[in-house]
Amino acid sequence: MATSASALILPRLPMSPPMPARASSTATMTRRRTRPLRAACAYALQEGQSRRSHRLPCGLDLEVIAQQPPTPTPGRSERPPLVFLHGSFHAAWCWAEHWLPFFSRAGFSCFALSLRAQGESSIPSEAVAGTLETHSGDIADFIRKEVPDPPILIGHSFGGLIVQQYISCLQEPLHPKLSGAVLVCSVPPSGNSGLVWRYLLTKPIAAVKVTLSLAAKVYANSLPLCKETFFSSEMDDELVLRYQGLMKDSSKLPLLDLRKLNASLPVPSAANGTLEVLVMGASNDFIVDAEGFLKLQDSTMCNLSVWKG
């Protein structure tokens, strides 16, 4: 995973008819904004991994990093596929580093997706990458067309909130069934506004750091803040710099409009609670702390199996 400068490749456009200079410029800019661009985030794949694009009905492409089990193993053919969703400022590469190699060796077919305007996925013309509904619909389209068996859907941070949205739509015909779901340090169904207010009242210094790091994107230019917000204090600085570079290149648009998102929450509960969900939290997570993790246990969306660590 190497740090590189980001780049946008603009498609060649046809010549416009002769017009006054100002009108021609405006027309060209309008036409360009409606064309899906491709975000560039240079991540060198590991052995056994492949990268491809999944074309959505709207014409945008989603980056897919896949890794299959190295060799067929008796008894492992019935293991469900795994589909991984990243959180803010990340892309499919965050799963390709360790999770895909580990689970593919264990016999699972693995697929990590980059959501709209993240990683090497196409950039829509809107001001943000999408909504919970559009992201969930994109995942449903990918599973319906490219995953042969009901997968386990795994989401981290805001990716976990998208997983919760998907689960709430399981009764809809365009959302394929799942074998299970995993929420890794996930934003709770009520969103992150409760976390922010609680931090302001109980941990104001931490609240300022989270706001600077995430809302103001200071993490991109501050190694200490990036490390404290996203990584372990024991992690080597060179490795943090490597990930910091990828994070800067990963997100061309905000994943979600947080104001509109918070107004639409909480995520609706699923119609039935038959899906098994594993909820994973970390005691030292800087953003989703223990109290935020426990709120997921209070959700009645599904049956929860909780692992703490």
Protein backbone atom coordinates (compact mmCIF):
# COMPACT_ATOMS: atom_id res chain seq x y z
CA MET A 1 0.00 0.00 0.00
CA ALA A 2 1.95 3.01 -1.24
CA THR A 3 1.32 6.68 -0.76
CA SER A 4 0.66 8.57 -3.98
CA ALA A 5 -0.81 11.81 -5.19
CA SER A 6 -4.46 11.61 -6.19
CA ALA A 7 -5.56 12.29 -9.77
CA LEU A 8 -8.82 12.77 -11.63
CA ILE A 9 -9.09 11.64 -15.23
CA LEU A 10 -11.53 13.77 -17.21
CA PRO A 11 -13.19 12.02 -20.17
CA ARG A 12 -12.76 13.56 -23.62
CA LEU A 13 -15.82 15.66 -24.47
CA PRO A 14 -17.22 16.45 -27.92
CA MET A 15 -16.76 19.95 -29.29
CA SER A 16 -19.55 22.39 -28.48
CA PRO A 17 -21.12 24.49 -31.25
CA PRO A 18 -19.72 28.04 -31.61
CA MET A 19 -21.03 30.27 -28.82
CA PRO A 20 -19.87 33.30 -26.87
CA ALA A 21 -16.89 32.41 -24.71
CA ARG A 22 -18.70 32.67 -21.37
CA ALA A 23 -21.70 30.59 -22.43
CA SER A 24 -19.46 27.93 -23.99
CA SER A 25 -17.42 27.62 -20.79
CA THR A 26 -20.52 27.28 -18.64
CA ALA A 27 -22.04 24.66 -20.92
CA THR A 28 -18.83 22.65 -20.95
CA MET A 29 -18.54 22.75 -17.15
CA THR A 30 -22.15 21.58 -16.79
CA ARG A 31 -21.58 18.70 -19.15
CA ARG A 32 -18.41 17.68 -17.37
CA ARG A 33 -20.04 17.59 -13.97
CA THR A 34 -22.60 15.07 -15.24
CA ARG A 35 -19.95 12.63 -16.40
CA PRO A 36 -18.77 10.02 -13.88
CA LEU A 37 -15.12 10.54 -13.12
CA ARG A 38 -12.89 7.87 -11.64
CA ALA A 39 -11.16 8.47 -8.31
CA ALA A 40 -7.53 7.41 -8.14
CA CYS A 41 -6.13 5.75 -5.04
CA ALA A 42 -3.00 3.72 -5.75
CA TYR A 43 -2.97 0.57 -3.65
CA ALA A 44 -0.71 -2.30 -4.73
CA LEU A 45 -2.66 -5.53 -4.50
CA GLN A 46 -1.25 -8.50 -2.63
CA GLU A 47 -0.70 -11.92 -4.11
CA GLY A 48 -3.96 -13.64 -4.95
CA GLN A 49 -6.00 -10.42 -5.04
CA SER A 50 -7.76 -8.93 -8.06
CA ARG A 51 -9.35 -5.56 -8.79
CA ARG A 52 -12.34 -4.96 -11.03
CA SER A 53 -15.27 -2.59 -11.41
CA HIS A 54 -18.95 -3.27 -10.83
CA ARG A 55 -21.17 -1.18 -13.12
CA LEU A 56 -24.26 0.20 -11.37
CA PRO A 57 -27.56 0.80 -13.22
CA CYS A 58 -26.91 4.58 -12.93
CA GLY A 59 -23.69 4.18 -14.93
CA LEU A 60 -21.23 4.63 -12.06
CA ASP A 61 -18.57 2.00 -11.29
CA LEU A 62 -17.69 0.61 -7.87
CA GLU A 63 -14.17 -0.66 -7.21
CA VAL A 64 -14.09 -4.31 -6.08
CA ILE A 65 -11.01 -5.98 -4.57
CA ALA A 66 -11.55 -9.72 -4.42
CA GLN A 67 -9.61 -12.65 -3.04
CA GLN A 68 -10.58 -16.29 -3.38
CA PRO A 69 -9.37 -19.23 -1.26
CA PRO A 70 -5.97 -20.39 -2.59
CA THR A 71 -7.03 -24.01 -3.02
CA PRO A 72 -10.31 -25.89 -2.58
CA THR A 73 -10.47 -27.48 0.86
CA PRO A 74 -12.89 -30.25 1.86
CA GLY A 75 -15.58 -28.93 4.17
CA ARG A 76 -14.98 -25.28 3.28
CA SER A 77 -17.06 -25.10 0.12
CA GLU A 78 -20.21 -24.35 2.13
CA ARG A 79 -18.73 -21.26 3.79
CA PRO A 80 -20.64 -18.12 2.78
CA PRO A 81 -18.95 -15.33 0.83
CA LEU A 82 -17.86 -12.24 2.76
CA VAL A 83 -18.62 -8.69 1.54
CA PHE A 84 -16.73 -5.86 3.29
CA LEU A 85 -17.79 -2.19 3.55
CA HIS A 86 -15.41 0.55 4.68
CA GLY A 87 -16.08 3.73 6.68
CA SER A 88 -15.24 7.40 6.09
CA PHE A 89 -11.88 8.32 4.50
CA HIS A 90 -11.21 4.70 3.60
CA ALA A 91 -11.84 2.40 0.64
CA ALA A 92 -11.60 -1.28 -0.28
CA TRP A 93 -7.84 -1.24 0.41
CA CYS A 94 -8.39 -1.11 4.19
CA TRP A 95 -9.73 -4.68 4.07
CA ALA A 96 -7.21 -5.89 1.48
CA GLU A 97 -4.27 -5.34 3.82
CA HIS A 98 -5.08 -8.03 6.43
CA TRP A 99 -8.73 -9.13 6.42
CA LEU A 100 -8.97 -10.52 2.88
CA PRO A 101 -5.77 -12.60 3.15
CA PHE A 102 -6.80 -14.00 6.55
CA PHE A 103 -10.34 -15.01 5.62
CA SER A 104 -9.49 -16.26 2.12
CA ARG A 105 -6.92 -18.61 3.69
CA ALA A 106 -9.71 -19.81 5.97
CA GLY A 107 -11.77 -20.79 2.93
CA PHE A 108 -14.01 -17.73 2.41
CA SER A 109 -14.53 -15.94 -0.90
CA CYS A 110 -13.92 -12.27 -0.08
CA PHE A 111 -15.09 -9.06 -1.76
CA ALA A 112 -14.20 -5.55 -0.53
CA LEU A 113 -16.07 -2.65 -2.13
CA SER A 114 -15.21 1.02 -2.46
CA LEU A 115 -18.38 3.08 -2.15
CA ARG A 116 -19.15 5.92 -4.58
CA ALA A 117 -16.38 8.55 -4.86
CA GLN A 118 -14.09 6.49 -2.62
CA GLY A 119 -10.96 4.59 -3.64
CA GLU A 120 -11.09 3.94 -7.39
CA SER A 121 -14.88 4.12 -7.69
CA SER A 122 -16.62 6.66 -9.94
CA ILE A 123 -17.44 10.13 -8.67
CA PRO A 124 -21.09 11.21 -8.99
CA SER A 125 -22.04 14.79 -9.86
CA GLU A 126 -23.66 15.47 -6.47
CA ALA A 127 -21.95 17.25 -3.58
CA VAL A 128 -21.75 14.05 -1.51
CA ALA A 129 -21.13 10.43 -2.45
CA GLY A 130 -24.61 9.23 -1.54
CA THR A 131 -27.19 8.47 1.13
CA LEU A 132 -27.79 5.42 3.29
CA GLU A 133 -30.42 4.38 0.75
CA THR A 134 -28.21 4.79 -2.33
CA HIS A 135 -25.20 3.07 -0.72
CA SER A 136 -27.40 0.21 0.48
CA GLY A 137 -28.93 -0.09 -2.98
CA ASP A 138 -25.47 -0.20 -4.57
CA ILE A 139 -24.44 -3.04 -2.27
CA ALA A 140 -27.67 -4.89 -3.04
CA ASP A 141 -27.03 -4.51 -6.79
CA PHE A 142 -23.50 -5.92 -6.42
CA ILE A 143 -24.64 -8.89 -4.32
CA ARG A 144 -27.58 -9.64 -6.61
CA LYS A 145 -25.44 -9.69 -9.75
CA GLU A 146 -22.02 -10.94 -8.62
CA VAL A 147 -22.31 -12.97 -5.40
CA PRO A 148 -23.82 -16.40 -6.04
CA ASP A 149 -24.74 -17.28 -2.43
CA PRO A 150 -26.12 -15.21 0.47
CA PRO A 151 -23.04 -13.48 1.95
CA ILE A 152 -22.07 -12.22 5.36
CA LEU A 153 -22.05 -8.41 5.16
CA ILE A 154 -19.29 -6.76 7.23
CA GLY A 155 -19.14 -3.02 7.89
CA HIS A 156 -16.79 -0.74 9.82
CA SER A 157 -17.77 2.64 11.31
CA PHE A 158 -20.19 4.34 8.88
CA GLY A 159 -19.94 1.20 6.76
CA GLY A 160 -21.60 -0.52 9.71
CA LEU A 161 -24.45 1.99 9.57
CA ILE A 162 -24.89 1.14 5.87
CA VAL A 163 -25.04 -2.54 6.84
CA GLN A 164 -27.81 -1.70 9.33
CA GLN A 165 -29.69 0.13 6.57
CA TYR A 166 -29.32 -2.92 4.31
CA ILE A 167 -30.68 -5.19 7.05
CA SER A 168 -33.71 -2.92 7.47
CA CYS A 169 -34.48 -3.43 3.76
CA LEU A 170 -34.21 -7.22 3.66
CA GLN A 171 -37.93 -7.59 3.01
CA GLU A 172 -37.58 -5.60 -0.22
CA PRO A 173 -37.24 -7.73 -3.38
CA LEU A 174 -34.08 -5.96 -4.65
CA HIS A 175 -32.12 -6.62 -1.42
CA PRO A 176 -30.81 -10.22 -1.51
CA LYS A 177 -30.81 -12.33 1.63
CA LEU A 178 -27.77 -12.44 3.90
CA SER A 179 -26.21 -15.30 5.81
CA GLY A 180 -25.29 -12.88 8.61
CA ALA A 181 -23.77 -9.51 9.35
CA VAL A 182 -20.83 -8.10 11.33
CA LEU A 183 -20.63 -4.56 12.74
CA VAL A 184 -17.04 -3.55 13.51
CA CYS A 185 -16.77 -0.45 15.75
CA SER A 186 -19.94 0.65 14.00
CA VAL A 187 -21.85 3.90 14.25
CA PRO A 188 -25.07 3.05 16.19
CA PRO A 189 -28.54 3.19 14.54
CA SER A 190 -29.09 6.69 15.96
CA GLY A 191 -25.97 8.02 14.22
CA ASN A 192 -22.94 9.77 15.66
CA SER A 193 -24.59 12.97 16.96
CA GLY A 194 -25.17 11.38 20.37
CA LEU A 195 -21.51 10.44 20.55
CA VAL A 196 -20.47 14.00 19.70
CA TRP A 197 -22.70 15.61 22.33
CA ARG A 198 -21.63 13.14 24.99
CA TYR A 199 -17.99 13.83 24.15
CA LEU A 200 -18.60 17.58 24.42
CA LEU A 201 -20.03 17.15 27.92
CA THR A 202 -17.67 14.51 29.29
CA LYS A 203 -14.50 14.61 27.16
CA PRO A 204 -14.27 18.10 25.61
CA ILE A 205 -10.63 17.75 24.53
CA ALA A 206 -11.43 14.50 22.76
CA ALA A 207 -14.47 16.18 21.16
CA VAL A 208 -12.27 18.95 19.75
CA LYS A 209 -9.79 16.42 18.39
CA VAL A 210 -12.53 14.36 16.73
CA THR A 211 -14.02 17.49 15.16
CA LEU A 212 -10.66 18.70 13.89
CA SER A 213 -9.67 15.28 12.60
CA LEU A 214 -12.92 14.33 10.87
CA ALA A 215 -15.00 17.43 10.12
CA ALA A 216 -12.02 19.69 9.33
CA LYS A 217 -9.94 16.80 7.91
CA VAL A 218 -6.87 17.88 9.88
CA TYR A 219 -5.96 14.18 10.14
CA ALA A 220 -4.68 14.44 6.55
CA ASN A 221 -1.79 16.74 7.53
CA SER A 222 -1.19 15.89 11.19
CA LEU A 223 0.54 12.60 11.94
CA PRO A 224 -0.14 12.75 15.74
CA LEU A 225 -3.85 13.51 15.24
CA CYS A 226 -4.25 10.88 12.52
CA LYS A 227 -2.59 8.31 14.75
CA GLU A 228 -4.68 9.15 17.81
CA THR A 229 -7.95 9.24 15.90
CA PHE A 230 -7.61 6.14 13.73
CA PHE A 231 -4.78 3.93 14.93
CA SER A 232 -3.14 2.32 17.93
CA SER A 233 -0.61 4.36 19.90
CA GLU A 234 1.81 1.45 19.45
CA MET A 235 1.69 1.55 15.66
CA ASP A 236 4.93 2.54 13.95
CA ASP A 237 4.85 6.09 12.56
CA GLU A 238 6.01 4.95 9.10
CA LEU A 239 3.03 2.63 8.84
CA VAL A 240 0.68 5.40 9.99
CA LEU A 241 2.13 7.68 7.29
CA ARG A 242 1.49 5.00 4.71
CA TYR A 243 -2.17 4.69 5.70
CA GLN A 244 -2.51 8.46 6.06
CA GLY A 245 -1.47 8.87 2.43
CA LEU A 246 -4.03 6.33 1.27
CA MET A 247 -6.74 7.98 3.35
CA LYS A 248 -6.00 11.38 1.79
CA ASP A 249 -6.35 9.83 -1.68
CA SER A 250 -9.40 7.72 -0.87
CA SER A 251 -12.26 10.15 -0.37
CA LYS A 252 -13.05 12.55 -3.23
CA LEU A 253 -16.48 13.42 -1.78
CA PRO A 254 -17.95 13.08 1.73
CA LEU A 255 -19.44 9.63 2.17
CA LEU A 256 -22.71 11.08 3.55
CA ASP A 257 -24.33 14.44 4.25
CA LEU A 258 -24.28 14.25 8.05
CA ARG A 259 -26.94 16.92 8.59
CA LYS A 260 -29.44 15.20 6.34
CA LEU A 261 -28.38 11.84 7.71
CA ASN A 262 -29.00 12.76 11.35
CA ALA A 263 -32.43 14.10 10.42
CA SER A 264 -33.36 10.71 8.89
CA LEU A 265 -32.18 8.53 11.78
CA PRO A 266 -32.53 6.17 13.54
CA VAL A 267 -32.22 3.37 11.02
CA PRO A 268 -35.54 1.47 10.96
CA SER A 269 -35.63 -1.91 12.65
CA ALA A 270 -35.85 -4.99 10.48
CA ALA A 271 -39.26 -6.57 10.05
CA ASN A 272 -38.08 -9.76 11.73
CA GLY A 273 -35.10 -10.52 13.93
CA THR A 274 -33.94 -13.79 12.43
CA LEU A 275 -30.57 -12.58 11.11
CA GLU A 276 -27.56 -13.19 13.32
CA VAL A 277 -25.34 -10.14 13.80
CA LEU A 278 -21.92 -10.10 15.42
CA VAL A 279 -21.11 -6.76 17.03
CA MET A 280 -17.42 -6.05 17.61
CA GLY A 281 -16.01 -3.15 19.59
CA ALA A 282 -12.61 -2.07 20.86
CA SER A 283 -12.08 -0.71 24.35
CA ASN A 284 -9.56 1.86 23.07
CA ASP A 285 -11.51 3.03 20.01
CA PHE A 286 -11.20 6.82 19.94
CA ILE A 287 -14.48 7.51 18.09
CA VAL A 288 -16.98 4.74 18.89
CA ASP A 289 -16.29 4.25 22.58
CA ALA A 290 -17.69 1.61 24.93
CA GLU A 291 -20.97 3.46 25.49
CA GLY A 292 -21.51 3.87 21.77
CA PHE A 293 -20.75 0.18 21.32
CA LEU A 294 -23.28 -0.78 23.99
CA LYS A 295 -26.02 1.16 22.19
CA LEU A 296 -25.82 -1.42 19.42
CA GLN A 297 -26.76 -4.08 21.96
CA ASP A 298 -29.92 -2.13 22.75
CA SER A 299 -30.99 -2.20 19.13
CA THR A 300 -33.86 -4.58 18.42
CA MET A 301 -32.97 -4.87 14.73
CA CYS A 302 -31.73 -8.44 14.98
CA ASN A 303 -30.42 -11.05 17.35
CA LEU A 304 -27.02 -9.83 18.53
CA SER A 305 -23.99 -11.91 19.36
CA VAL A 306 -21.53 -9.61 21.06
CA TRP A 307 -17.76 -9.99 21.26
CA LYS A 308 -15.78 -7.49 23.28
CA GLY A 309 -12.12 -6.84 22.79
